[in-house]
């Protein structure tokens, strides 16, 4: 086991500032860090909360849970769950929710986790190593069409078909892929051109990681749940690191920041909007220079309005099995 790599929390101060902006000098109430990671946001929130404040964190990575257990503050609790389970908290109970999406530096930089093509390690990619199929397990049985669709849908990979066929041919000739270096070399051989400065395997690794961990489906479920659990005036702060995540967050906030009309009932009053979009923030030049991984980050901030009602239908919609995912085969248990 390698030593734990250092993790620099992106937009740490701006995110916590946005979360607690309306909470006063000694915030009370219950707050959520939906993705504990290595606790950068959590520790700062605890520093800012008053004695009556409470902070609940979620994470499905056992290593993150172990790190969270080192925090002895009585105001803090950690749940070994994905943040898609946010809706288990009582309705209207939260003063704010912070979601820092994606994979953390320790996960990327630990060869044994299998997230990166920069190191040779087991082709795992699970955020929760206690359950579900690894990337190697899934690639050992998926057909070329399933693999190609995952690479297109979650990695926006132009050469998805070529890579998928190469994986299946390799599996038939020499057995399933088991190591990250094997997959990276195979992709490099199948992809003849690539954007300058980008490793040919970048999009393949991203796509498999997102799929194996059901990241986009979980994000949609958590966003829908936020409408149910946030109090009026509660803040929603979401940090995303690639276009697929940010598109979901942007569209969610935009959809619930409108007052939709029912065209079937032209004289009816419009439905009340449920969110107020407040800000879109990018890291400044100094942060990007100090931490290059911050360069793709986008933070979006919204506030829960007084309206309630349609969020329950959103929850039901978010919990429906995704048709495409069903075609690929279920990876994580329900």
Foldseek 3Di string as FASTA:
>chain_A
DDDQDDFDDFCQPVLLCQQCVPQPQARAFEEEAQACALNSNVVVNVVRHHPRHAYEYEFQAVVSVVNVVVDPDPRYDYDNDHLLCVLVDAFARHQAYEYEDDHTPRCAPDQQNQLYLVDKYWQALERNPVFWGGLQRLLQDFALVLQLVLLCPQLVDPQSNQLSVLQVVCCVPPRTDTISPVSLVSQPVRDDDDDPPDRSCVSSSRSSNCLLHVRLLSLLSSLLSCLGRHHAFHKYKYKDQDDSSVVSVVVSQVVQCDFDDDPVDRPDGTHHRFKHWDDKDADDPVSCVVPVSRRRMIMTMIGTHNDDDCSVVSNVVSPDDDPSSVVSPDTGDD
